[in-house]
Amino acid sequence: MDIPERLPEAAPPNPYKAIEDSSEFKELRRSHRRFVFPLTVFFLLWYFAFVILGAYAHDFMAAKVWGNINVGMVFGLLQFVTTFVITALYVRYANNTMDPMTEKLRTRFAADAQESEVAR
């Protein structure tokens, strides 16, 4: 007795793939990368400059700036300041640029998901 072959069912559409393939999502990723990569490179260069100067430029880093405060201490404190500034810049960028793009994307695909639910 032959068993009839069963036709494969169509796979349900993957909403995550649809979002990933959308031009809005690609623009969101581009926007994020344009902001994050340059800041990351800047911070890493700044950080490694501090470490290298600390390791090889002892006289420079030990130079007194004011009282017992030397260049090394100032650079070390500036590392913390830089971290806070970069964080503040990112938060402002995310709030003003990325969040509106994300909300637009979320709204569009939530509407698409509702339409596909109604169609079923």
PDB file of N, CA and C in Angstrom:
ATOM      1  N   MET A   1       0.837  -1.162   0.000  1.00  0.00           N
ATOM      2  CA  MET A   1       0.000   0.000   0.000  1.00  0.00           C
ATOM      3  C   MET A   1       0.890   1.236   0.000  1.00  0.00           C
ATOM      4  N   ASP A   2       0.635   2.072  -0.957  1.00  0.00           N
ATOM      5  CA  ASP A   2       1.410   3.309  -1.063  1.00  0.00           C
ATOM      6  C   ASP A   2       0.815   4.377  -0.163  1.00  0.00           C
ATOM      7  N   ILE A   3       1.728   5.056   0.523  1.00  0.00           N
ATOM      8  CA  ILE A   3       1.298   6.175   1.360  1.00  0.00           C
ATOM      9  C   ILE A   3       1.440   7.445   0.527  1.00  0.00           C
ATOM     10  N   PRO A   4       0.368   8.198   0.402  1.00  0.00           N
ATOM     11  CA  PRO A   4       0.473   9.411  -0.416  1.00  0.00           C
ATOM     12  C   PRO A   4       1.447  10.412   0.236  1.00  0.00           C
ATOM     13  N   GLU A   5       2.227  11.017  -0.624  1.00  0.00           N
ATOM     14  CA  GLU A   5       3.170  12.018  -0.126  1.00  0.00           C
ATOM     15  C   GLU A   5       2.407  13.249   0.330  1.00  0.00           C
ATOM     16  N   ARG A   6       2.883  13.795   1.397  1.00  0.00           N
ATOM     17  CA  ARG A   6       2.241  14.982   1.942  1.00  0.00           C
ATOM     18  C   ARG A   6       3.004  16.207   1.469  1.00  0.00           C
ATOM     19  N   LEU A   7       2.272  17.173   0.996  1.00  0.00           N
ATOM     20  CA  LEU A   7       2.915  18.404   0.557  1.00  0.00           C
ATOM     21  C   LEU A   7       3.392  19.195   1.767  1.00  0.00           C
ATOM     22  N   PRO A   8       4.581  19.764   1.672  1.00  0.00           N
ATOM     23  CA  PRO A   8       5.060  20.557   2.817  1.00  0.00           C
ATOM     24  C   PRO A   8       4.180  21.786   3.006  1.00  0.00           C
ATOM     25  N   GLU A   9       3.908  22.062   4.259  1.00  0.00           N
ATOM     26  CA  GLU A   9       3.107  23.248   4.557  1.00  0.00           C
ATOM     27  C   GLU A   9       3.991  24.478   4.415  1.00  0.00           C
ATOM     28  N   ALA A  10       3.360  25.532   4.005  1.00  0.00           N
ATOM     29  CA  ALA A  10       4.112  26.782   3.890  1.00  0.00           C
ATOM     30  C   ALA A  10       4.513  27.243   5.288  1.00  0.00           C
ATOM     31  N   ALA A  11       5.774  27.604   5.416  1.00  0.00           N
ATOM     32  CA  ALA A  11       6.259  28.072   6.708  1.00  0.00           C
ATOM     33  C   ALA A  11       5.611  29.411   7.028  1.00  0.00           C
ATOM     34  N   PRO A  12       5.233  29.583   8.286  1.00  0.00           N
ATOM     35  CA  PRO A  12       4.646  30.878   8.639  1.00  0.00           C
ATOM     36  C   PRO A  12       5.695  31.988   8.461  1.00  0.00           C
ATOM     37  N   PRO A  13       5.273  33.161   8.095  1.00  0.00           N
ATOM     38  CA  PRO A  13       6.235  34.233   7.883  1.00  0.00           C
ATOM     39  C   PRO A  13       6.959  34.560   9.188  1.00  0.00           C
ATOM     40  N   ASN A  14       8.239  34.788   9.081  1.00  0.00           N
ATOM     41  CA  ASN A  14       9.058  35.118  10.253  1.00  0.00           C
ATOM     42  C   ASN A  14       9.047  36.633  10.425  1.00  0.00           C
ATOM     43  N   PRO A  15       8.370  37.140  11.454  1.00  0.00           N
ATOM     44  CA  PRO A  15       8.284  38.605  11.608  1.00  0.00           C
ATOM     45  C   PRO A  15       9.642  39.232  11.886  1.00  0.00           C
ATOM     46  N   TYR A  16      10.539  38.501  12.559  1.00  0.00           N
ATOM     47  CA  TYR A  16      11.860  39.052  12.861  1.00  0.00           C
ATOM     48  C   TYR A  16      12.693  39.222  11.600  1.00  0.00           C
ATOM     49  N   LYS A  17      12.559  38.277  10.685  1.00  0.00           N
ATOM     50  CA  LYS A  17      13.283  38.374   9.409  1.00  0.00           C
ATOM     51  C   LYS A  17      12.740  39.542   8.589  1.00  0.00           C
ATOM     52  N   ALA A  18      11.446  39.735   8.640  1.00  0.00           N
ATOM     53  CA  ALA A  18      10.844  40.852   7.911  1.00  0.00           C
ATOM     54  C   ALA A  18      11.350  42.181   8.455  1.00  0.00           C
ATOM     55  N   ILE A  19      11.467  42.274   9.774  1.00  0.00           N
ATOM     56  CA  ILE A  19      11.992  43.504  10.377  1.00  0.00           C
ATOM     57  C   ILE A  19      13.446  43.697   9.974  1.00  0.00           C
ATOM     58  N   GLU A  20      14.233  42.629  10.079  1.00  0.00           N
ATOM     59  CA  GLU A  20      15.657  42.714   9.742  1.00  0.00           C
ATOM     60  C   GLU A  20      15.876  43.125   8.285  1.00  0.00           C
ATOM     61  N   ASP A  21      15.015  42.682   7.414  1.00  0.00           N
ATOM     62  CA  ASP A  21      15.161  42.994   5.995  1.00  0.00           C
ATOM     63  C   ASP A  21      14.602  44.359   5.612  1.00  0.00           C
ATOM     64  N   SER A  22      13.910  45.011   6.519  1.00  0.00           N
ATOM     65  CA  SER A  22      13.281  46.293   6.187  1.00  0.00           C
ATOM     66  C   SER A  22      14.319  47.407   6.052  1.00  0.00           C
ATOM     67  N   SER A  23      14.016  48.358   5.211  1.00  0.00           N
ATOM     68  CA  SER A  23      14.942  49.492   5.010  1.00  0.00           C
ATOM     69  C   SER A  23      15.043  50.350   6.267  1.00  0.00           C
ATOM     70  N   GLU A  24      13.950  50.426   7.037  1.00  0.00           N
ATOM     71  CA  GLU A  24      13.979  51.208   8.276  1.00  0.00           C
ATOM     72  C   GLU A  24      14.962  50.621   9.285  1.00  0.00           C
ATOM     73  N   PHE A  25      14.968  49.293   9.409  1.00  0.00           N
ATOM     74  CA  PHE A  25      15.876  48.640  10.349  1.00  0.00           C
ATOM     75  C   PHE A  25      17.324  48.787   9.895  1.00  0.00           C
ATOM     76  N   LYS A  26      17.536  48.671   8.587  1.00  0.00           N
ATOM     77  CA  LYS A  26      18.903  48.853   8.059  1.00  0.00           C
ATOM     78  C   LYS A  26      19.396  50.268   8.328  1.00  0.00           C
ATOM     79  N   GLU A  27      18.528  51.245   8.197  1.00  0.00           N
ATOM     80  CA  GLU A  27      18.906  52.626   8.494  1.00  0.00           C
ATOM     81  C   GLU A  27      19.176  52.806   9.986  1.00  0.00           C
ATOM     82  N   LEU A  28      18.400  52.162  10.827  1.00  0.00           N
ATOM     83  CA  LEU A  28      18.624  52.213  12.270  1.00  0.00           C
ATOM     84  C   LEU A  28      19.996  51.637  12.620  1.00  0.00           C
ATOM     85  N   ARG A  29      20.333  50.501  12.038  1.00  0.00           N
ATOM     86  CA  ARG A  29      21.652  49.909  12.285  1.00  0.00           C
ATOM     87  C   ARG A  29      22.771  50.803  11.780  1.00  0.00           C
ATOM     88  N   ARG A  30      22.588  51.368  10.586  1.00  0.00           N
ATOM     89  CA  ARG A  30      23.604  52.279  10.032  1.00  0.00           C
ATOM     90  C   ARG A  30      23.799  53.480  10.942  1.00  0.00           C
ATOM     91  N   SER A  31      22.715  54.041  11.401  1.00  0.00           N
ATOM     92  CA  SER A  31      22.763  55.198  12.276  1.00  0.00           C
ATOM     93  C   SER A  31      23.502  54.864  13.575  1.00  0.00           C
ATOM     94  N   HIS A  32      23.189  53.724  14.139  1.00  0.00           N
ATOM     95  CA  HIS A  32      23.847  53.282  15.372  1.00  0.00           C
ATOM     96  C   HIS A  32      25.345  53.107  15.149  1.00  0.00           C
ATOM     97  N   ARG A  33      25.707  52.438  14.080  1.00  0.00           N
ATOM     98  CA  ARG A  33      27.127  52.193  13.800  1.00  0.00           C
ATOM     99  C   ARG A  33      27.883  53.486  13.516  1.00  0.00           C
ATOM    100  N   ARG A  34      27.249  54.415  12.798  1.00  0.00           N
ATOM    101  CA  ARG A  34      27.917  55.696  12.503  1.00  0.00           C
ATOM    102  C   ARG A  34      28.248  56.458  13.772  1.00  0.00           C
ATOM    103  N   PHE A  35      27.456  56.273  14.794  1.00  0.00           N
ATOM    104  CA  PHE A  35      27.706  56.967  16.058  1.00  0.00           C
ATOM    105  C   PHE A  35      28.666  56.181  16.949  1.00  0.00           C
ATOM    106  N   VAL A  36      28.432  54.894  17.098  1.00  0.00           N
ATOM    107  CA  VAL A  36      29.166  54.093  18.074  1.00  0.00           C
ATOM    108  C   VAL A  36      30.596  53.793  17.649  1.00  0.00           C
ATOM    109  N   PHE A  37      30.825  53.424  16.421  1.00  0.00           N
ATOM    110  CA  PHE A  37      32.175  53.021  16.014  1.00  0.00           C
ATOM    111  C   PHE A  37      33.197  54.145  16.156  1.00  0.00           C
ATOM    112  N   PRO A  38      32.941  55.358  15.681  1.00  0.00           N
ATOM    113  CA  PRO A  38      33.944  56.416  15.869  1.00  0.00           C
ATOM    114  C   PRO A  38      34.220  56.725  17.340  1.00  0.00           C
ATOM    115  N   LEU A  39      33.179  56.741  18.162  1.00  0.00           N
ATOM    116  CA  LEU A  39      33.391  56.993  19.589  1.00  0.00           C
ATOM    117  C   LEU A  39      34.183  55.869  20.240  1.00  0.00           C
ATOM    118  N   THR A  40      33.943  54.642  19.829  1.00  0.00           N
ATOM    119  CA  THR A  40      34.690  53.512  20.370  1.00  0.00           C
ATOM    120  C   THR A  40      36.161  53.612  19.998  1.00  0.00           C
ATOM    121  N   VAL A  41      36.432  53.927  18.743  1.00  0.00           N
ATOM    122  CA  VAL A  41      37.824  54.083  18.298  1.00  0.00           C
ATOM    123  C   VAL A  41      38.493  55.221  19.067  1.00  0.00           C
ATOM    124  N   PHE A  42      37.799  56.357  19.192  1.00  0.00           N
ATOM    125  CA  PHE A  42      38.353  57.484  19.946  1.00  0.00           C
ATOM    126  C   PHE A  42      38.689  57.078  21.366  1.00  0.00           C
ATOM    127  N   PHE A  43      37.753  56.414  22.051  1.00  0.00           N
ATOM    128  CA  PHE A  43      37.984  56.072  23.445  1.00  0.00           C
ATOM    129  C   PHE A  43      39.116  55.063  23.589  1.00  0.00           C
ATOM    130  N   LEU A  44      39.176  54.075  22.708  1.00  0.00           N
ATOM    131  CA  LEU A  44      40.258  53.091  22.801  1.00  0.00           C
ATOM    132  C   LEU A  44      41.617  53.735  22.569  1.00  0.00           C
ATOM    133  N   LEU A  45      41.702  54.644  21.591  1.00  0.00           N
ATOM    134  CA  LEU A  45      42.970  55.349  21.360  1.00  0.00           C
ATOM    135  C   LEU A  45      43.349  56.181  22.584  1.00  0.00           C
ATOM    136  N   TRP A  46      42.394  56.889  23.138  1.00  0.00           N
ATOM    137  CA  TRP A  46      42.617  57.708  24.323  1.00  0.00           C
ATOM    138  C   TRP A  46      43.047  56.846  25.497  1.00  0.00           C
ATOM    139  N   TYR A  47      42.386  55.704  25.698  1.00  0.00           N
ATOM    140  CA  TYR A  47      42.710  54.810  26.801  1.00  0.00           C
ATOM    141  C   TYR A  47      44.117  54.221  26.638  1.00  0.00           C
ATOM    142  N   PHE A  48      44.422  53.719  25.433  1.00  0.00           N
ATOM    143  CA  PHE A  48      45.742  53.118  25.227  1.00  0.00           C
ATOM    144  C   PHE A  48      46.851  54.155  25.267  1.00  0.00           C
ATOM    145  N   ALA A  49      46.559  55.384  24.873  1.00  0.00           N
ATOM    146  CA  ALA A  49      47.549  56.457  25.011  1.00  0.00           C
ATOM    147  C   ALA A  49      47.872  56.655  26.487  1.00  0.00           C
ATOM    148  N   PHE A  50      46.861  56.647  27.336  1.00  0.00           N
ATOM    149  CA  PHE A  50      47.061  56.781  28.777  1.00  0.00           C
ATOM    150  C   PHE A  50      47.913  55.634  29.315  1.00  0.00           C
ATOM    151  N   VAL A  51      47.592  54.416  28.928  1.00  0.00           N
ATOM    152  CA  VAL A  51      48.333  53.246  29.412  1.00  0.00           C
ATOM    153  C   VAL A  51      49.777  53.278  28.910  1.00  0.00           C
ATOM    154  N   ILE A  52      49.957  53.577  27.646  1.00  0.00           N
ATOM    155  CA  ILE A  52      51.313  53.597  27.076  1.00  0.00           C
ATOM    156  C   ILE A  52      52.146  54.716  27.695  1.00  0.00           C
ATOM    157  N   LEU A  53      51.541  55.881  27.851  1.00  0.00           N
ATOM    158  CA  LEU A  53      52.268  56.975  28.511  1.00  0.00           C
ATOM    159  C   LEU A  53      52.629  56.590  29.949  1.00  0.00           C
ATOM    160  N   GLY A  54      51.730  55.938  30.643  1.00  0.00           N
ATOM    161  CA  GLY A  54      52.011  55.491  32.006  1.00  0.00           C
ATOM    162  C   GLY A  54      53.139  54.484  32.060  1.00  0.00           C
ATOM    163  N   ALA A  55      53.238  53.650  31.037  1.00  0.00           N
ATOM    164  CA  ALA A  55      54.270  52.611  31.023  1.00  0.00           C
ATOM    165  C   ALA A  55      55.625  53.125  30.541  1.00  0.00           C
ATOM    166  N   TYR A  56      55.630  54.061  29.587  1.00  0.00           N
ATOM    167  CA  TYR A  56      56.891  54.444  28.958  1.00  0.00           C
ATOM    168  C   TYR A  56      57.303  55.899  29.148  1.00  0.00           C
ATOM    169  N   ALA A  57      56.400  56.779  29.547  1.00  0.00           N
ATOM    170  CA  ALA A  57      56.748  58.199  29.699  1.00  0.00           C
ATOM    171  C   ALA A  57      56.633  58.593  31.175  1.00  0.00           C
ATOM    172  N   HIS A  58      57.437  57.921  32.003  1.00  0.00           N
ATOM    173  CA  HIS A  58      57.365  58.141  33.446  1.00  0.00           C
ATOM    174  C   HIS A  58      57.588  59.601  33.823  1.00  0.00           C
ATOM    175  N   ASP A  59      58.596  60.227  33.220  1.00  0.00           N
ATOM    176  CA  ASP A  59      58.900  61.622  33.574  1.00  0.00           C
ATOM    177  C   ASP A  59      57.732  62.544  33.220  1.00  0.00           C
ATOM    178  N   PHE A  60      57.160  62.338  32.049  1.00  0.00           N
ATOM    179  CA  PHE A  60      56.027  63.174  31.635  1.00  0.00           C
ATOM    180  C   PHE A  60      54.840  62.982  32.580  1.00  0.00           C
ATOM    181  N   MET A  61      54.509  61.733  32.859  1.00  0.00           N
ATOM    182  CA  MET A  61      53.346  61.454  33.703  1.00  0.00           C
ATOM    183  C   MET A  61      53.573  61.896  35.152  1.00  0.00           C
ATOM    184  N   ALA A  62      54.829  61.964  35.580  1.00  0.00           N
ATOM    185  CA  ALA A  62      55.142  62.365  36.954  1.00  0.00           C
ATOM    186  C   ALA A  62      55.284  63.875  37.112  1.00  0.00           C
ATOM    187  N   ALA A  63      55.203  64.594  35.996  1.00  0.00           N
ATOM    188  CA  ALA A  63      55.364  66.058  36.062  1.00  0.00           C
ATOM    189  C   ALA A  63      54.240  66.654  36.903  1.00  0.00           C
ATOM    190  N   LYS A  64      54.613  67.517  37.826  1.00  0.00           N
ATOM    191  CA  LYS A  64      53.647  68.145  38.732  1.00  0.00           C
ATOM    192  C   LYS A  64      52.821  69.189  37.970  1.00  0.00           C
ATOM    193  N   VAL A  65      51.533  69.172  38.214  1.00  0.00           N
ATOM    194  CA  VAL A  65      50.638  70.147  37.613  1.00  0.00           C
ATOM    195  C   VAL A  65      50.275  71.211  38.646  1.00  0.00           C
ATOM    196  N   TRP A  66      49.918  70.731  39.841  1.00  0.00           N
ATOM    197  CA  TRP A  66      49.524  71.631  40.927  1.00  0.00           C
ATOM    198  C   TRP A  66      49.684  70.861  42.236  1.00  0.00           C
ATOM    199  N   GLY A  67      50.498  71.339  43.105  1.00  0.00           N
ATOM    200  CA  GLY A  67      50.756  70.669  44.379  1.00  0.00           C
ATOM    201  C   GLY A  67      51.268  69.258  44.162  1.00  0.00           C
ATOM    202  N   ASN A  68      50.579  68.264  44.749  1.00  0.00           N
ATOM    203  CA  ASN A  68      50.967  66.862  44.581  1.00  0.00           C
ATOM    204  C   ASN A  68      50.267  66.192  43.399  1.00  0.00           C
ATOM    205  N   ILE A  69      49.536  66.941  42.626  1.00  0.00           N
ATOM    206  CA  ILE A  69      48.807  66.390  41.485  1.00  0.00           C
ATOM    207  C   ILE A  69      49.715  66.424  40.263  1.00  0.00           C
ATOM    208  N   ASN A  70      49.867  65.252  39.630  1.00  0.00           N
ATOM    209  CA  ASN A  70      50.731  65.174  38.448  1.00  0.00           C
ATOM    210  C   ASN A  70      49.899  64.877  37.195  1.00  0.00           C
ATOM    211  N   VAL A  71      50.569  64.870  36.059  1.00  0.00           N
ATOM    212  CA  VAL A  71      49.906  64.650  34.769  1.00  0.00           C
ATOM    213  C   VAL A  71      49.199  63.295  34.744  1.00  0.00           C
ATOM    214  N   GLY A  72      49.818  62.263  35.320  1.00  0.00           N
ATOM    215  CA  GLY A  72      49.206  60.933  35.346  1.00  0.00           C
ATOM    216  C   GLY A  72      47.869  60.929  36.068  1.00  0.00           C
ATOM    217  N   MET A  73      47.794  61.639  37.171  1.00  0.00           N
ATOM    218  CA  MET A  73      46.528  61.710  37.914  1.00  0.00           C
ATOM    219  C   MET A  73      45.469  62.453  37.109  1.00  0.00           C
ATOM    220  N   VAL A  74      45.883  63.528  36.451  1.00  0.00           N
ATOM    221  CA  VAL A  74      44.933  64.288  35.633  1.00  0.00           C
ATOM    222  C   VAL A  74      44.418  63.419  34.502  1.00  0.00           C
ATOM    223  N   PHE A  75      45.328  62.713  33.818  1.00  0.00           N
ATOM    224  CA  PHE A  75      44.899  61.829  32.728  1.00  0.00           C
ATOM    225  C   PHE A  75      43.986  60.718  33.242  1.00  0.00           C
ATOM    226  N   GLY A  76      44.305  60.167  34.410  1.00  0.00           N
ATOM    227  CA  GLY A  76      43.464  59.115  34.991  1.00  0.00           C
ATOM    228  C   GLY A  76      42.062  59.613  35.292  1.00  0.00           C
ATOM    229  N   LEU A  77      41.969  60.799  35.868  1.00  0.00           N
ATOM    230  CA  LEU A  77      40.649  61.378  36.136  1.00  0.00           C
ATOM    231  C   LEU A  77      39.909  61.694  34.836  1.00  0.00           C
ATOM    232  N   LEU A  78      40.650  62.146  33.836  1.00  0.00           N
ATOM    233  CA  LEU A  78      40.020  62.436  32.544  1.00  0.00           C
ATOM    234  C   LEU A  78      39.458  61.175  31.888  1.00  0.00           C
ATOM    235  N   GLN A  79      40.008  60.005  32.214  1.00  0.00           N
ATOM    236  CA  GLN A  79      39.438  58.755  31.705  1.00  0.00           C
ATOM    237  C   GLN A  79      38.003  58.594  32.216  1.00  0.00           C
ATOM    238  N   PHE A  80      37.801  58.894  33.498  1.00  0.00           N
ATOM    239  CA  PHE A  80      36.447  58.805  34.063  1.00  0.00           C
ATOM    240  C   PHE A  80      35.532  59.857  33.442  1.00  0.00           C
ATOM    241  N   VAL A  81      36.036  61.056  33.305  1.00  0.00           N
ATOM    242  CA  VAL A  81      35.239  62.134  32.711  1.00  0.00           C
ATOM    243  C   VAL A  81      34.831  61.754  31.283  1.00  0.00           C
ATOM    244  N   THR A  82      35.790  61.228  30.535  1.00  0.00           N
ATOM    245  CA  THR A  82      35.510  60.814  29.154  1.00  0.00           C
ATOM    246  C   THR A  82      34.422  59.751  29.111  1.00  0.00           C
ATOM    247  N   THR A  83      34.476  58.805  30.032  1.00  0.00           N
ATOM    248  CA  THR A  83      33.457  57.754  30.081  1.00  0.00           C
ATOM    249  C   THR A  83      32.073  58.340  30.314  1.00  0.00           C
ATOM    250  N   PHE A  84      31.968  59.273  31.251  1.00  0.00           N
ATOM    251  CA  PHE A  84      30.678  59.892  31.525  1.00  0.00           C
ATOM    252  C   PHE A  84      30.192  60.746  30.354  1.00  0.00           C
ATOM    253  N   VAL A  85      31.102  61.454  29.708  1.00  0.00           N
ATOM    254  CA  VAL A  85      30.728  62.285  28.557  1.00  0.00           C
ATOM    255  C   VAL A  85      30.234  61.410  27.411  1.00  0.00           C
ATOM    256  N   ILE A  86      30.948  60.327  27.124  1.00  0.00           N
ATOM    257  CA  ILE A  86      30.527  59.420  26.047  1.00  0.00           C
ATOM    258  C   ILE A  86      29.165  58.815  26.368  1.00  0.00           C
ATOM    259  N   THR A  87      28.957  58.444  27.625  1.00  0.00           N
ATOM    260  CA  THR A  87      27.659  57.892  28.024  1.00  0.00           C
ATOM    261  C   THR A  87      26.546  58.915  27.822  1.00  0.00           C
ATOM    262  N   ALA A  88      26.795  60.145  28.241  1.00  0.00           N
ATOM    263  CA  ALA A  88      25.781  61.198  28.078  1.00  0.00           C
ATOM    264  C   ALA A  88      25.498  61.464  26.603  1.00  0.00           C
ATOM    265  N   LEU A  89      26.550  61.488  25.782  1.00  0.00           N
ATOM    266  CA  LEU A  89      26.363  61.698  24.340  1.00  0.00           C
ATOM    267  C   LEU A  89      25.539  60.572  23.726  1.00  0.00           C
ATOM    268  N   TYR A  90      25.836  59.340  24.128  1.00  0.00           N
ATOM    269  CA  TYR A  90      25.102  58.208  23.583  1.00  0.00           C
ATOM    270  C   TYR A  90      23.629  58.249  23.996  1.00  0.00           C
ATOM    271  N   VAL A  91      23.386  58.553  25.262  1.00  0.00           N
ATOM    272  CA  VAL A  91      21.996  58.613  25.729  1.00  0.00           C
ATOM    273  C   VAL A  91      21.232  59.684  24.961  1.00  0.00           C
ATOM    274  N   ARG A  92      21.841  60.851  24.780  1.00  0.00           N
ATOM    275  CA  ARG A  92      21.173  61.918  24.037  1.00  0.00           C
ATOM    276  C   ARG A  92      20.932  61.502  22.585  1.00  0.00           C
ATOM    277  N   TYR A  93      21.933  60.873  21.971  1.00  0.00           N
ATOM    278  CA  TYR A  93      21.787  60.420  20.584  1.00  0.00           C
ATOM    279  C   TYR A  93      20.688  59.359  20.480  1.00  0.00           C
ATOM    280  N   ALA A  94      20.697  58.421  21.406  1.00  0.00           N
ATOM    281  CA  ALA A  94      19.680  57.361  21.375  1.00  0.00           C
ATOM    282  C   ALA A  94      18.287  57.943  21.561  1.00  0.00           C
ATOM    283  N   ASN A  95      18.147  58.860  22.502  1.00  0.00           N
ATOM    284  CA  ASN A  95      16.829  59.459  22.751  1.00  0.00           C
ATOM    285  C   ASN A  95      16.338  60.284  21.569  1.00  0.00           C
ATOM    286  N   ASN A  96      17.229  61.048  20.951  1.00  0.00           N
ATOM    287  CA  ASN A  96      16.815  61.971  19.895  1.00  0.00           C
ATOM    288  C   ASN A  96      16.791  61.356  18.502  1.00  0.00           C
ATOM    289  N   THR A  97      17.607  60.362  18.254  1.00  0.00           N
ATOM    290  CA  THR A  97      17.720  59.818  16.900  1.00  0.00           C
ATOM    291  C   THR A  97      17.222  58.383  16.801  1.00  0.00           C
ATOM    292  N   MET A  98      17.758  57.518  17.640  1.00  0.00           N
ATOM    293  CA  MET A  98      17.451  56.097  17.497  1.00  0.00           C
ATOM    294  C   MET A  98      16.066  55.728  18.028  1.00  0.00           C
ATOM    295  N   ASP A  99      15.666  56.310  19.143  1.00  0.00           N
ATOM    296  CA  ASP A  99      14.348  55.963  19.699  1.00  0.00           C
ATOM    297  C   ASP A  99      13.195  56.312  18.767  1.00  0.00           C
ATOM    298  N   PRO A 100      13.201  57.496  18.122  1.00  0.00           N
ATOM    299  CA  PRO A 100      12.111  57.756  17.159  1.00  0.00           C
ATOM    300  C   PRO A 100      12.109  56.763  15.993  1.00  0.00           C
ATOM    301  N   MET A 101      13.299  56.388  15.526  1.00  0.00           N
ATOM    302  CA  MET A 101      13.372  55.410  14.432  1.00  0.00           C
ATOM    303  C   MET A 101      12.854  54.051  14.899  1.00  0.00           C
ATOM    304  N   THR A 102      13.200  53.675  16.123  1.00  0.00           N
ATOM    305  CA  THR A 102      12.753  52.402  16.683  1.00  0.00           C
ATOM    306  C   THR A 102      11.242  52.394  16.873  1.00  0.00           C
ATOM    307  N   GLU A 103      10.716  53.490  17.365  1.00  0.00           N
ATOM    308  CA  GLU A 103       9.263  53.572  17.581  1.00  0.00           C
ATOM    309  C   GLU A 103       8.509  53.479  16.255  1.00  0.00           C
ATOM    310  N   LYS A 104       9.024  54.123  15.232  1.00  0.00           N
ATOM    311  CA  LYS A 104       8.404  54.047  13.907  1.00  0.00           C
ATOM    312  C   LYS A 104       8.409  52.602  13.401  1.00  0.00           C
ATOM    313  N   LEU A 105       9.529  51.933  13.591  1.00  0.00           N
ATOM    314  CA  LEU A 105       9.655  50.534  13.171  1.00  0.00           C
ATOM    315  C   LEU A 105       8.701  49.647  13.969  1.00  0.00           C
ATOM    316  N   ARG A 106       8.642  49.850  15.268  1.00  0.00           N
ATOM    317  CA  ARG A 106       7.763  49.066  16.134  1.00  0.00           C
ATOM    318  C   ARG A 106       6.308  49.277  15.740  1.00  0.00           C
ATOM    319  N   THR A 107       5.925  50.516  15.505  1.00  0.00           N
ATOM    320  CA  THR A 107       4.539  50.816  15.131  1.00  0.00           C
ATOM    321  C   THR A 107       4.178  50.150  13.811  1.00  0.00           C
ATOM    322  N   ARG A 108       5.076  50.248  12.853  1.00  0.00           N
ATOM    323  CA  ARG A 108       4.799  49.662  11.534  1.00  0.00           C
ATOM    324  C   ARG A 108       4.618  48.159  11.627  1.00  0.00           C
ATOM    325  N   PHE A 109       5.516  47.483  12.329  1.00  0.00           N
ATOM    326  CA  PHE A 109       5.429  46.028  12.363  1.00  0.00           C
ATOM    327  C   PHE A 109       4.371  45.523  13.331  1.00  0.00           C
ATOM    328  N   ALA A 110       3.990  46.314  14.308  1.00  0.00           N
ATOM    329  CA  ALA A 110       2.867  45.929  15.164  1.00  0.00           C
ATOM    330  C   ALA A 110       1.582  45.977  14.348  1.00  0.00           C
ATOM    331  N   ALA A 111       1.457  46.988  13.495  1.00  0.00           N
ATOM    332  CA  ALA A 111       0.283  47.077  12.620  1.00  0.00           C
ATOM    333  C   ALA A 111       0.266  45.920  11.637  1.00  0.00           C
ATOM    334  N   ASP A 112       1.431  45.574  11.082  1.00  0.00           N
ATOM    335  CA  ASP A 112       1.510  44.440  10.154  1.00  0.00           C
ATOM    336  C   ASP A 112       1.135  43.136  10.858  1.00  0.00           C
ATOM    337  N   ALA A 113       1.570  42.978  12.109  1.00  0.00           N
ATOM    338  CA  ALA A 113       1.262  41.758  12.858  1.00  0.00           C
ATOM    339  C   ALA A 113      -0.239  41.662  13.128  1.00  0.00           C
ATOM    340  N   GLN A 114      -0.865  42.792  13.452  1.00  0.00           N
ATOM    341  CA  GLN A 114      -2.311  42.785  13.687  1.00  0.00           C
ATOM    342  C   GLN A 114      -3.065  42.419  12.415  1.00  0.00           C
ATOM    343  N   GLU A 115      -2.622  42.967  11.289  1.00  0.00           N
ATOM    344  CA  GLU A 115      -3.280  42.658  10.014  1.00  0.00           C
ATOM    345  C   GLU A 115      -3.159  41.181   9.685  1.00  0.00           C
ATOM    346  N   SER A 116      -1.993  40.586   9.951  1.00  0.00           N
ATOM    347  CA  SER A 116      -1.816  39.180   9.617  1.00  0.00           C
ATOM    348  C   SER A 116      -2.631  38.292  10.572  1.00  0.00           C
ATOM    349  N   GLU A 117      -2.821  38.718  11.813  1.00  0.00           N
ATOM    350  CA  GLU A 117      -3.679  37.988  12.750  1.00  0.00           C
ATOM    351  C   GLU A 117      -5.127  38.021  12.311  1.00  0.00           C
ATOM    352  N   VAL A 118      -5.575  39.182  11.848  1.00  0.00           N
ATOM    353  CA  VAL A 118      -6.950  39.326  11.376  1.00  0.00           C
ATOM    354  C   VAL A 118      -7.178  38.487  10.137  1.00  0.00           C
ATOM    355  N   ALA A 119      -6.165  38.392   9.276  1.00  0.00           N
ATOM    356  CA  ALA A 119      -6.297  37.637   8.033  1.00  0.00           C
ATOM    357  C   ALA A 119      -6.419  36.142   8.295  1.00  0.00           C
ATOM    358  N   ARG A 120      -5.912  35.677   9.422  1.00  0.00           N
ATOM    359  CA  ARG A 120      -5.973  34.235   9.714  1.00  0.00           C
ATOM    360  C   ARG A 120      -7.332  33.903  10.154  1.00  0.00           C
TER     361      ARG A 120
END
